[in-house]
């Protein structure tokens, strides 16, 4: 059904956003760790 496809699309987009946020926060943490090592 159209509703099922729509929900799947929304869920997929939500997952992508969560993954991007997760990856970006990990990258930020890695940068902070690097700065602490340099400093």
C-alpha atoms as a PDB file:
ATOM      1  CA  UNK A   1       0.000   0.000   0.000  1.00  0.00           C
ATOM      2  CA  UNK A   2       0.987   3.643  -0.373  1.00  0.00           C
ATOM      3  CA  UNK A   3       0.954   4.110   3.422  1.00  0.00           C
ATOM      4  CA  UNK A   4       3.398   1.228   3.872  1.00  0.00           C
ATOM      5  CA  UNK A   5       5.790   2.646   1.288  1.00  0.00           C
ATOM      6  CA  UNK A   6       5.533   6.090   2.858  1.00  0.00           C
ATOM      7  CA  UNK A   7       6.254   4.734   6.348  1.00  0.00           C
ATOM      8  CA  UNK A   8       9.207   2.722   5.034  1.00  0.00           C
ATOM      9  CA  UNK A   9      10.575   5.834   3.331  1.00  0.00           C
ATOM     10  CA  UNK A  10      10.216   7.906   6.512  1.00  0.00           C
ATOM     11  CA  UNK A  11      11.839   5.160   8.603  1.00  0.00           C
ATOM     12  CA  UNK A  12      14.701   4.883   6.094  1.00  0.00           C
ATOM     13  CA  UNK A  13      15.273   8.656   6.136  1.00  0.00           C
ATOM     14  CA  UNK A  14      15.176   8.649   9.941  1.00  0.00           C
ATOM     15  CA  UNK A  15      17.794   5.897  10.009  1.00  0.00           C
ATOM     16  CA  UNK A  16      20.067   7.842   7.645  1.00  0.00           C
ATOM     17  CA  UNK A  17      19.766  10.943   9.821  1.00  0.00           C
ATOM     18  CA  UNK A  18      20.551   8.915  12.962  1.00  0.00           C
ATOM     19  CA  UNK A  19      23.565   7.330  11.268  1.00  0.00           C
ATOM     20  CA  UNK A  20      24.880  10.701  10.089  1.00  0.00           C
ATOM     21  CA  UNK A  21      24.433  12.193  13.556  1.00  0.00           C
ATOM     22  CA  UNK A  22      26.181   9.170  15.100  1.00  0.00           C
ATOM     23  CA  UNK A  23      29.091   9.353  12.663  1.00  0.00           C
ATOM     24  CA  UNK A  24      29.442  13.138  13.043  1.00  0.00           C
ATOM     25  CA  UNK A  25      29.405  12.978  16.849  1.00  0.00           C
ATOM     26  CA  UNK A  26      32.076  10.257  16.761  1.00  0.00           C
ATOM     27  CA  UNK A  27      34.187  12.382  14.409  1.00  0.00           C
ATOM     28  CA  UNK A  28      33.776  15.358  16.743  1.00  0.00           C
ATOM     29  CA  UNK A  29      34.841  13.262  19.730  1.00  0.00           C
ATOM     30  CA  UNK A  30      37.875  12.010  17.795  1.00  0.00           C
ATOM     31  CA  UNK A  31      38.821  15.615  17.000  1.00  0.00           C
ATOM     32  CA  UNK A  32      38.523  16.638  20.650  1.00  0.00           C
ATOM     33  CA  UNK A  33      40.675  13.658  21.680  1.00  0.00           C
ATOM     34  CA  UNK A  34      43.258  14.705  19.087  1.00  0.00           C
ATOM     35  CA  UNK A  35      43.326  18.292  20.380  1.00  0.00           C
ATOM     36  CA  UNK A  36      43.779  17.015  23.938  1.00  0.00           C
ATOM     37  CA  UNK A  37      46.737  14.891  22.823  1.00  0.00           C
ATOM     38  CA  UNK A  38      48.330  17.846  20.996  1.00  0.00           C
ATOM     39  CA  UNK A  39      47.653  20.223  23.895  1.00  0.00           C
END
